[in-house]
N, C-alpha and C. Protein backbone atom coordinates (compact mmCIF):
# COMPACT_ATOMS: atom_id res chain seq x y z
N MET A 1 134.61 53.08 29.53
CA MET A 1 133.11 53.22 28.83
C MET A 1 132.82 54.73 29.10
N ASN A 2 132.60 55.09 27.51
CA ASN A 2 132.27 56.40 28.19
C ASN A 2 130.53 56.79 28.21
N GLY A 3 130.08 57.71 28.76
CA GLY A 3 128.23 58.02 28.74
C GLY A 3 127.85 58.16 30.23
N GLU A 4 126.92 57.51 30.42
CA GLU A 4 126.45 58.12 32.30
C GLU A 4 125.48 56.91 32.74
N TYR A 5 125.57 56.68 33.94
CA TYR A 5 124.81 56.25 34.41
C TYR A 5 124.01 56.90 35.27
N LYS A 6 122.63 56.63 35.37
CA LYS A 6 121.58 57.01 36.15
C LYS A 6 120.92 55.87 37.04
N GLU A 7 120.91 56.55 38.34
CA GLU A 7 119.78 56.04 39.24
C GLU A 7 119.24 56.89 40.04
N GLY A 8 117.85 56.86 40.22
CA GLY A 8 117.03 57.49 41.61
C GLY A 8 117.71 57.34 42.94
N LEU A 9 117.33 58.65 43.42
CA LEU A 9 117.59 58.83 44.54
C LEU A 9 116.73 57.97 45.41
N PRO A 10 117.12 57.07 46.83
CA PRO A 10 116.09 56.60 47.60
C PRO A 10 114.83 57.68 47.91
N PHE A 11 115.49 58.87 48.23
CA PHE A 11 114.34 59.95 48.61
C PHE A 11 112.94 59.78 47.60
N GLY A 12 113.23 59.30 46.39
CA GLY A 12 111.79 59.39 45.40
C GLY A 12 111.84 60.51 44.64
N GLN A 13 112.62 61.51 44.44
CA GLN A 13 112.88 62.59 43.70
C GLN A 13 114.55 62.70 43.48
N GLY A 14 114.75 62.63 42.27
CA GLY A 14 116.35 63.28 41.76
C GLY A 14 116.93 62.02 41.22
N GLU A 15 117.79 62.42 40.70
CA GLU A 15 118.58 61.24 40.05
C GLU A 15 120.38 61.82 40.40
N LEU A 16 120.91 60.31 40.83
CA LEU A 16 122.12 60.30 40.79
C LEU A 16 122.91 59.81 39.51
N ILE A 17 123.80 61.02 38.83
CA ILE A 17 124.17 60.81 37.69
C ILE A 17 125.79 60.55 37.33
N VAL A 18 126.35 59.64 37.15
CA VAL A 18 127.58 59.25 37.23
C VAL A 18 128.33 59.11 35.94
N SER A 19 129.13 59.43 35.70
CA SER A 19 130.21 59.18 34.51
C SER A 19 131.48 58.57 35.36
N LYS A 20 132.25 58.11 34.25
CA LYS A 20 133.84 57.44 34.74
C LYS A 20 135.00 58.77 35.42
N ASN A 21 134.33 60.31 35.42
CA ASN A 21 135.02 61.02 35.69
C ASN A 21 134.44 61.87 36.88
N SER A 22 133.00 61.82 36.88
CA SER A 22 132.50 62.81 38.10
C SER A 22 130.89 62.17 38.43
N HIS A 23 130.47 62.79 39.27
CA HIS A 23 128.93 62.19 39.60
C HIS A 23 128.36 63.62 40.08
N ARG A 24 126.96 63.52 40.21
CA ARG A 24 126.51 64.76 40.97
C ARG A 24 124.99 63.91 40.90
N ILE A 25 124.11 64.91 41.29
CA ILE A 25 122.84 64.61 41.73
C ILE A 25 122.04 65.90 40.80
N GLN A 26 120.80 65.29 40.51
CA GLN A 26 120.00 65.96 39.50
C GLN A 26 118.85 66.06 39.85
N PHE A 27 117.96 67.30 40.06
CA PHE A 27 116.81 67.37 40.42
C PHE A 27 115.95 68.20 38.86
N TYR A 28 114.83 67.61 38.53
CA TYR A 28 113.66 67.95 37.88
C TYR A 28 112.18 68.50 38.36
N PHE A 29 112.00 69.83 37.66
CA PHE A 29 111.01 70.36 39.03
C PHE A 29 110.24 70.87 37.53
N PRO A 30 109.32 70.17 36.97
CA PRO A 30 108.20 70.60 35.77
C PRO A 30 107.55 71.94 36.29
N GLY A 31 107.13 72.54 35.00
CA GLY A 31 106.59 73.65 35.17
C GLY A 31 104.97 73.73 35.59
N PRO A 32 104.25 74.77 35.86
CA PRO A 32 103.11 74.54 36.32
C PRO A 32 101.96 73.44 35.32
N ASP A 33 102.32 73.94 34.30
CA ASP A 33 101.28 73.38 33.30
C ASP A 33 102.27 72.46 32.22
N LEU A 34 101.77 71.86 31.19
CA LEU A 34 102.64 71.73 29.75
C LEU A 34 103.30 72.85 29.33
N ARG A 35 102.80 73.93 29.36
CA ARG A 35 102.94 74.92 28.38
C ARG A 35 104.48 75.48 28.85
N TYR A 36 104.88 75.15 29.93
CA TYR A 36 106.40 75.94 30.61
C TYR A 36 107.07 74.81 30.66
N ASN A 37 108.02 75.27 30.76
CA ASN A 37 110.01 74.86 30.67
C ASN A 37 109.47 74.30 32.23
N GLY A 38 110.02 73.67 32.31
CA GLY A 38 110.68 72.88 33.78
C GLY A 38 111.83 73.46 34.33
N THR A 39 112.34 73.23 35.35
CA THR A 39 113.67 73.57 35.98
C THR A 39 114.15 72.51 36.42
N PHE A 40 115.67 72.86 36.25
CA PHE A 40 116.75 71.64 36.36
C PHE A 40 117.46 71.99 37.47
N LEU A 41 117.86 71.47 38.91
CA LEU A 41 118.92 71.75 39.73
C LEU A 41 119.85 70.90 39.83
N LYS A 42 121.00 71.16 39.37
CA LYS A 42 122.50 70.28 39.09
C LYS A 42 123.28 70.50 40.67
N ILE A 43 123.48 69.36 41.11
CA ILE A 43 124.38 69.37 42.62
C ILE A 43 125.73 68.63 42.29
N SER A 44 126.93 69.42 42.22
CA SER A 44 128.00 68.71 41.90
C SER A 44 128.26 67.79 43.16
N SER A 45 129.01 66.74 43.11
CA SER A 45 129.60 65.77 44.00
C SER A 45 130.25 67.00 44.93
N SER A 46 131.20 68.05 44.72
CA SER A 46 131.80 68.70 45.60
C SER A 46 130.67 70.09 46.73
N GLU A 47 129.31 70.02 46.24
CA GLU A 47 128.65 70.38 47.00
C GLU A 47 127.35 69.58 47.81
N ILE A 48 127.79 68.31 47.29
CA ILE A 48 126.66 67.49 48.51
C ILE A 48 126.31 67.87 49.72
N ASP A 49 127.99 67.88 50.30
CA ASP A 49 128.17 68.22 51.92
C ASP A 49 127.69 69.38 51.87
N SER A 50 127.54 70.64 51.63
CA SER A 50 126.90 71.98 51.62
C SER A 50 125.62 71.65 51.87
N TYR A 51 124.92 70.77 51.17
CA TYR A 51 123.49 70.85 50.92
C TYR A 51 123.20 70.12 51.95
N ILE A 52 123.98 69.12 52.69
CA ILE A 52 123.36 68.47 53.83
C ILE A 52 123.44 69.39 55.13
N ASP A 53 124.39 70.22 55.19
CA ASP A 53 124.82 71.07 56.39
C ASP A 53 123.41 72.04 55.94
N ALA A 54 123.39 72.55 54.69
CA ALA A 54 122.16 73.80 54.77
C ALA A 54 120.75 73.14 55.46
N TYR A 55 120.32 71.85 54.98
CA TYR A 55 118.81 71.24 55.44
C TYR A 55 118.85 71.12 56.57
N GLN A 56 120.03 70.85 57.53
CA GLN A 56 120.38 70.78 58.98
C GLN A 56 119.94 72.35 59.34
N GLU A 57 120.51 73.26 58.85
CA GLU A 57 120.66 74.64 59.51
C GLU A 57 119.13 75.19 58.98
N ASN A 58 118.76 74.93 57.91
CA ASN A 58 117.45 75.73 57.68
C ASN A 58 115.91 75.06 58.19
N TRP A 59 116.69 73.53 58.60
CA TRP A 59 115.63 73.23 59.30
C TRP A 59 115.17 73.50 60.57
N LYS A 60 116.14 74.05 61.21
CA LYS A 60 116.27 74.25 62.65
C LYS A 60 115.64 76.07 62.38
N LYS A 61 115.99 76.89 61.54
CA LYS A 61 115.25 78.11 61.34
C LYS A 61 113.84 77.91 61.21
N PHE A 62 113.49 76.69 60.22
CA PHE A 62 111.99 76.58 59.93
C PHE A 62 111.29 76.10 61.32
N GLU A 63 111.86 75.45 62.13
CA GLU A 63 111.31 75.46 63.44
C GLU A 63 111.10 76.30 63.88
N GLU A 64 112.04 77.35 64.29
CA GLU A 64 111.85 78.45 65.09
C GLU A 64 111.01 79.63 64.10
N MET A 65 110.95 79.66 63.15
CA MET A 65 109.88 80.35 62.58
C MET A 65 108.59 79.85 62.60
N LYS A 66 108.29 78.53 62.77
CA LYS A 66 106.96 78.30 62.96
C LYS A 66 106.65 78.78 64.37
N VAL A 67 107.42 78.58 65.74
CA VAL A 67 106.65 79.67 66.71
C VAL A 67 106.26 80.88 66.41
N VAL A 68 107.28 81.61 65.78
CA VAL A 68 107.02 82.85 65.83
C VAL A 68 105.45 83.41 64.88
N GLN A 69 105.43 82.28 64.00
CA GLN A 69 104.45 82.54 62.96
C GLN A 69 103.22 82.37 63.67
N LYS A 70 103.21 81.32 64.51
CA LYS A 70 102.16 81.10 65.37
C LYS A 70 101.50 82.12 66.09
N GLN A 71 102.58 82.95 66.82
CA GLN A 71 102.07 84.22 67.50
C GLN A 71 101.62 85.33 66.42
N LEU A 72 102.18 85.44 65.33
CA LEU A 72 101.86 86.39 64.21
C LEU A 72 100.79 86.06 63.09
N ASP A 73 100.50 84.60 63.18
CA ASP A 73 99.51 84.09 62.74
C ASP A 73 99.33 84.84 61.07
N GLY A 74 100.20 84.88 60.39
CA GLY A 74 100.59 85.13 59.07
C GLY A 74 101.26 84.37 58.34
N GLU A 75 102.24 84.89 57.13
CA GLU A 75 102.80 84.10 56.62
C GLU A 75 104.59 84.97 56.85
N LEU A 76 105.63 83.83 56.75
CA LEU A 76 106.65 84.31 56.98
C LEU A 76 107.48 83.64 56.16
N ASN A 77 108.70 84.30 55.34
CA ASN A 77 109.31 83.65 54.60
C ASN A 77 110.73 84.24 54.51
N ALA A 78 111.68 83.88 54.36
CA ALA A 78 112.99 83.92 54.35
C ALA A 78 114.28 83.05 53.88
N TYR A 79 115.36 83.70 53.21
CA TYR A 79 116.05 82.55 52.78
C TYR A 79 116.85 82.10 53.84
N GLY A 80 117.60 81.03 53.33
CA GLY A 80 118.16 80.25 54.08
C GLY A 80 119.37 80.18 53.67
N LYS A 81 120.03 78.96 54.04
CA LYS A 81 121.51 78.56 53.46
C LYS A 81 121.63 77.75 52.42
N LEU A 82 122.44 78.46 51.43
CA LEU A 82 122.71 78.06 50.17
C LEU A 82 121.14 78.72 49.20
N ASN A 83 120.81 79.61 49.93
CA ASN A 83 119.23 80.77 49.23
C ASN A 83 118.18 79.42 49.30
N MET A 84 118.15 78.48 50.13
CA MET A 84 116.77 77.63 49.97
C MET A 84 115.85 78.64 50.68
N ILE A 85 114.75 78.56 50.04
CA ILE A 85 113.66 79.31 50.58
C ILE A 85 112.60 78.91 51.51
N ILE A 86 112.51 79.23 52.77
CA ILE A 86 111.96 78.89 53.72
C ILE A 86 110.55 79.48 54.22
N ASN A 87 109.49 78.71 54.03
CA ASN A 87 108.39 79.15 54.10
C ASN A 87 107.32 78.66 55.24
N VAL A 88 106.85 79.56 55.98
CA VAL A 88 106.19 78.82 57.18
C VAL A 88 104.57 79.82 57.05
N GLY A 89 103.75 78.65 57.21
CA GLY A 89 102.22 79.19 57.16
C GLY A 89 101.50 79.17 55.47
N GLY A 90 102.21 79.26 54.65
CA GLY A 90 101.72 79.65 53.05
C GLY A 90 101.40 78.44 52.80
N TRP A 91 101.39 78.28 51.26
CA TRP A 91 100.91 77.53 50.45
C TRP A 91 102.03 76.36 50.19
N HIS A 92 103.40 77.37 49.98
CA HIS A 92 104.69 76.04 49.79
C HIS A 92 105.28 76.21 50.96
N SER A 93 104.63 75.65 52.50
CA SER A 93 105.22 76.09 53.44
C SER A 93 106.22 74.50 53.61
N GLY A 94 107.63 74.96 54.25
CA GLY A 94 108.39 74.04 54.17
C GLY A 94 109.74 74.64 53.90
N VAL A 95 110.79 73.88 53.95
CA VAL A 95 112.24 74.08 53.46
C VAL A 95 112.08 73.88 51.80
N CYS A 96 112.59 74.82 51.13
CA CYS A 96 112.71 74.31 49.79
C CYS A 96 113.75 74.69 48.89
N ILE A 97 114.14 73.43 48.30
CA ILE A 97 115.36 73.46 47.69
C ILE A 97 116.30 74.11 46.92
N HIS A 98 114.86 75.20 46.11
CA HIS A 98 115.18 76.05 45.29
C HIS A 98 113.69 76.81 44.51
N SER A 99 113.82 78.26 44.81
CA SER A 99 112.29 78.57 44.66
C SER A 99 111.17 77.88 45.32
N TYR A 100 110.15 77.82 44.88
CA TYR A 100 109.33 77.15 45.75
C TYR A 100 109.06 75.59 45.54
N HIS A 101 109.98 74.73 44.94
CA HIS A 101 110.17 73.51 44.51
C HIS A 101 110.45 72.78 45.70
N MET A 102 109.98 71.46 46.09
CA MET A 102 110.34 70.30 46.81
C MET A 102 110.01 71.09 48.51
N PRO A 103 109.08 71.79 48.77
CA PRO A 103 109.30 71.88 50.26
C PRO A 103 108.81 70.76 51.06
N LEU A 104 109.98 70.83 51.97
CA LEU A 104 110.15 69.56 52.96
C LEU A 104 109.75 70.01 54.50
N LYS A 105 108.40 69.59 54.97
CA LYS A 105 107.77 70.34 56.12
C LYS A 105 107.77 69.51 57.28
N SER A 106 108.27 68.23 57.37
CA SER A 106 108.42 67.40 58.54
C SER A 106 109.93 67.04 58.87
N GLU A 107 110.23 66.49 59.85
CA GLU A 107 111.48 66.26 60.16
C GLU A 107 111.93 64.97 59.70
N LYS A 108 110.82 63.87 59.17
CA LYS A 108 111.07 62.64 58.55
C LYS A 108 111.52 63.06 56.96
N GLU A 109 110.72 63.98 56.40
CA GLU A 109 111.37 64.63 55.23
C GLU A 109 112.84 64.56 55.26
N ILE A 110 113.23 65.76 55.93
CA ILE A 110 114.30 66.29 56.27
C ILE A 110 115.57 65.11 56.29
N LYS A 111 115.17 64.37 57.26
CA LYS A 111 115.72 63.20 57.21
C LYS A 111 116.07 62.54 56.01
N SER A 112 114.97 62.33 55.51
CA SER A 112 115.01 61.75 54.31
C SER A 112 115.97 61.93 53.12
N ILE A 113 116.20 63.30 52.74
CA ILE A 113 116.83 63.69 51.86
C ILE A 113 118.03 64.00 52.06
N ILE A 114 118.49 64.19 53.31
CA ILE A 114 119.74 64.06 54.02
C ILE A 114 120.22 62.69 53.90
N ASP A 115 119.94 61.74 54.13
CA ASP A 115 119.97 59.85 53.99
C ASP A 115 120.27 60.08 52.74
N SER A 116 119.50 60.38 51.63
CA SER A 116 119.53 60.54 50.08
C SER A 116 120.78 61.02 49.68
N LEU A 117 121.15 62.28 50.19
CA LEU A 117 122.54 62.73 49.77
C LEU A 117 123.68 62.01 50.29
N CYS A 118 123.62 61.55 51.52
CA CYS A 118 124.70 60.77 52.15
C CYS A 118 124.77 59.34 51.23
N TRP A 119 123.70 59.20 51.12
CA TRP A 119 124.10 57.54 50.10
C TRP A 119 124.51 58.23 48.55
N ALA A 120 124.10 59.13 47.94
CA ALA A 120 124.76 59.44 46.76
C ALA A 120 126.05 59.68 46.81
N GLN A 121 126.68 60.17 47.94
CA GLN A 121 128.10 60.67 48.16
C GLN A 121 128.77 59.42 48.21
N LYS A 122 128.28 58.55 48.54
CA LYS A 122 129.08 57.20 49.02
C LYS A 122 128.77 56.30 47.52
N ARG A 123 127.75 56.46 47.09
CA ARG A 123 127.43 55.56 45.77
C ARG A 123 128.02 55.86 44.30
N GLY A 124 128.42 57.32 44.33
CA GLY A 124 128.64 57.97 43.23
C GLY A 124 130.32 57.53 43.00
N PRO A 125 131.22 57.67 43.85
CA PRO A 125 132.44 57.18 43.95
C PRO A 125 132.58 55.58 43.53
N GLU A 126 131.79 54.56 44.36
CA GLU A 126 131.64 53.30 43.62
C GLU A 126 131.15 53.19 42.34
N ILE A 127 130.60 53.59 41.33
CA ILE A 127 129.43 53.18 40.39
C ILE A 127 130.81 54.09 39.69
N LYS A 128 131.70 55.14 39.94
CA LYS A 128 132.61 55.74 38.87
C LYS A 128 133.63 54.70 38.64
N SER A 129 134.33 53.81 39.82
CA SER A 129 135.01 53.12 39.87
C SER A 129 134.58 51.44 39.37
N PHE A 130 133.78 51.83 39.21
CA PHE A 130 133.16 50.50 38.68
C PHE A 130 132.96 50.52 37.11
N LEU A 131 132.70 52.29 36.48
CA LEU A 131 132.65 52.53 35.00
C LEU A 131 134.21 52.75 34.61
N LYS A 132 135.46 52.98 35.62
CA LYS A 132 136.44 52.90 34.82
C LYS A 132 137.06 51.72 34.68
N SER A 133 136.55 50.54 35.51
CA SER A 133 137.11 49.32 35.55
C SER A 133 136.49 48.61 34.15
N LEU A 134 135.61 49.09 33.41
CA LEU A 134 135.04 48.86 32.09
C LEU A 134 136.07 48.83 31.05
N ASP A 135 136.96 50.01 30.94
CA ASP A 135 137.51 50.41 29.86
C ASP A 135 138.86 49.15 29.47
């Protein structure tokens, strides 16, 4: 079978996209209003583990920055692993996967996205195998 299979991530945002030869995760972030194009972020299967590590490391940095921000009472921004943006005290406070998109600001949210990435890393090969069996 040629084509792609799509399934939403358990996280609630993003899709697992699988063909018989590959799998990836794709996020779509709409523009500020309907006049602007949205942004796609594609994560190949070989990058998923790196995103899991990045979220874990960037969450630790976010927690450290929150302590400093309380002392300074301002806004702090930093680039984290995989160029994720870490914002503390601003409008998009949290660990953002890309630019200001999808700011995660609680340990529960971080755990949920990591669990979803792990799920996709396991589910992708299962679906690939099934698609190949249809030939």
